[in-house]
């Protein structure tokens, strides 16, 4: 029997440069990338504070997202 039955959070992340495409009319490329990075940082902060989770897995090809996840 497993001693830790808590769930893991899986966070898929696309490259920041291709994130938030629907906002292209309002935000330029770099602003959308910064927004995606900020949203991920906020989400990771919330998830790491959740005692109900065993851990957080981030699936990405974005180097900045991987760096945020390691922090």
C-alpha atoms as a PDB file:
ATOM      1  CA  UNK A   1       0.000   0.000   0.000  1.00  0.00           C
ATOM      2  CA  UNK A   2       1.234   3.485  -0.848  1.00  0.00           C
ATOM      3  CA  UNK A   3       1.965   5.792   2.035  1.00  0.00           C
ATOM      4  CA  UNK A   4       1.331   8.987   0.035  1.00  0.00           C
ATOM      5  CA  UNK A   5      -1.879   9.045  -1.976  1.00  0.00           C
ATOM      6  CA  UNK A   6      -1.762  12.771  -2.686  1.00  0.00           C
ATOM      7  CA  UNK A   7      -2.124  13.961  -6.258  1.00  0.00           C
ATOM      8  CA  UNK A   8       0.478  15.597  -8.456  1.00  0.00           C
ATOM      9  CA  UNK A   9      -0.238  18.717 -10.519  1.00  0.00           C
ATOM     10  CA  UNK A  10       0.788  18.516 -14.176  1.00  0.00           C
ATOM     11  CA  UNK A  11       1.303  21.913 -15.838  1.00  0.00           C
ATOM     12  CA  UNK A  12       1.771  21.858 -19.625  1.00  0.00           C
ATOM     13  CA  UNK A  13       3.525  25.006 -20.890  1.00  0.00           C
ATOM     14  CA  UNK A  14       3.996  26.086 -24.488  1.00  0.00           C
ATOM     15  CA  UNK A  15       6.852  28.305 -25.565  1.00  0.00           C
ATOM     16  CA  UNK A  16       6.300  31.815 -24.259  1.00  0.00           C
ATOM     17  CA  UNK A  17       6.843  33.238 -27.752  1.00  0.00           C
ATOM     18  CA  UNK A  18       3.796  31.393 -29.068  1.00  0.00           C
ATOM     19  CA  UNK A  19       1.569  31.869 -26.022  1.00  0.00           C
ATOM     20  CA  UNK A  20      -1.534  34.031 -25.774  1.00  0.00           C
ATOM     21  CA  UNK A  21      -2.029  34.348 -29.545  1.00  0.00           C
ATOM     22  CA  UNK A  22      -5.630  35.537 -29.155  1.00  0.00           C
ATOM     23  CA  UNK A  23      -4.307  38.698 -27.498  1.00  0.00           C
ATOM     24  CA  UNK A  24      -2.221  39.623 -30.562  1.00  0.00           C
ATOM     25  CA  UNK A  25      -4.528  42.521 -31.431  1.00  0.00           C
ATOM     26  CA  UNK A  26      -3.975  44.075 -28.012  1.00  0.00           C
ATOM     27  CA  UNK A  27      -0.447  43.005 -27.016  1.00  0.00           C
ATOM     28  CA  UNK A  28       2.741  42.741 -29.033  1.00  0.00           C
ATOM     29  CA  UNK A  29       4.877  39.581 -29.089  1.00  0.00           C
ATOM     30  CA  UNK A  30       7.137  40.510 -26.169  1.00  0.00           C
ATOM     31  CA  UNK A  31       4.224  41.628 -23.988  1.00  0.00           C
ATOM     32  CA  UNK A  32       2.427  38.320 -24.597  1.00  0.00           C
ATOM     33  CA  UNK A  33       5.588  36.399 -23.717  1.00  0.00           C
ATOM     34  CA  UNK A  34       6.010  38.400 -20.492  1.00  0.00           C
ATOM     35  CA  UNK A  35       2.357  37.815 -19.628  1.00  0.00           C
ATOM     36  CA  UNK A  36       2.692  34.055 -20.148  1.00  0.00           C
ATOM     37  CA  UNK A  37       5.794  33.993 -17.947  1.00  0.00           C
ATOM     38  CA  UNK A  38       4.066  36.002 -15.205  1.00  0.00           C
ATOM     39  CA  UNK A  39       0.977  33.774 -15.287  1.00  0.00           C
ATOM     40  CA  UNK A  40       3.136  30.657 -14.981  1.00  0.00           C
ATOM     41  CA  UNK A  41       5.094  32.150 -12.089  1.00  0.00           C
ATOM     42  CA  UNK A  42       1.851  32.964 -10.269  1.00  0.00           C
ATOM     43  CA  UNK A  43       0.430  29.482 -10.891  1.00  0.00           C
ATOM     44  CA  UNK A  44       3.600  27.787  -9.644  1.00  0.00           C
ATOM     45  CA  UNK A  45       3.550  29.922  -6.489  1.00  0.00           C
ATOM     46  CA  UNK A  46      -0.014  28.837  -5.773  1.00  0.00           C
ATOM     47  CA  UNK A  47       0.673  25.172  -6.480  1.00  0.00           C
ATOM     48  CA  UNK A  48       3.815  24.948  -4.377  1.00  0.00           C
ATOM     49  CA  UNK A  49       1.856  26.249  -1.394  1.00  0.00           C
ATOM     50  CA  UNK A  50      -0.834  23.576  -1.704  1.00  0.00           C
ATOM     51  CA  UNK A  51      -0.248  20.968   0.990  1.00  0.00           C
ATOM     52  CA  UNK A  52      -2.730  18.615  -0.693  1.00  0.00           C
ATOM     53  CA  UNK A  53      -0.340  18.077  -3.626  1.00  0.00           C
ATOM     54  CA  UNK A  54       2.537  15.614  -3.560  1.00  0.00           C
ATOM     55  CA  UNK A  55       4.357  17.745  -6.122  1.00  0.00           C
ATOM     56  CA  UNK A  56       4.235  19.716  -9.355  1.00  0.00           C
ATOM     57  CA  UNK A  57       5.407  18.516 -12.772  1.00  0.00           C
ATOM     58  CA  UNK A  58       5.984  21.065 -15.541  1.00  0.00           C
ATOM     59  CA  UNK A  59       6.012  19.738 -19.108  1.00  0.00           C
ATOM     60  CA  UNK A  60       7.661  22.247 -21.414  1.00  0.00           C
ATOM     61  CA  UNK A  61      10.211  23.048 -24.088  1.00  0.00           C
ATOM     62  CA  UNK A  62      10.542  26.635 -22.860  1.00  0.00           C
ATOM     63  CA  UNK A  63      13.867  27.218 -21.061  1.00  0.00           C
ATOM     64  CA  UNK A  64      12.451  30.061 -18.955  1.00  0.00           C
ATOM     65  CA  UNK A  65       9.536  27.878 -17.843  1.00  0.00           C
ATOM     66  CA  UNK A  66      11.936  25.108 -16.864  1.00  0.00           C
ATOM     67  CA  UNK A  67      14.000  27.612 -14.864  1.00  0.00           C
ATOM     68  CA  UNK A  68      10.879  28.878 -13.078  1.00  0.00           C
ATOM     69  CA  UNK A  69       9.862  25.316 -12.246  1.00  0.00           C
ATOM     70  CA  UNK A  70      13.280  24.558 -10.775  1.00  0.00           C
ATOM     71  CA  UNK A  71      13.071  27.599  -8.480  1.00  0.00           C
END
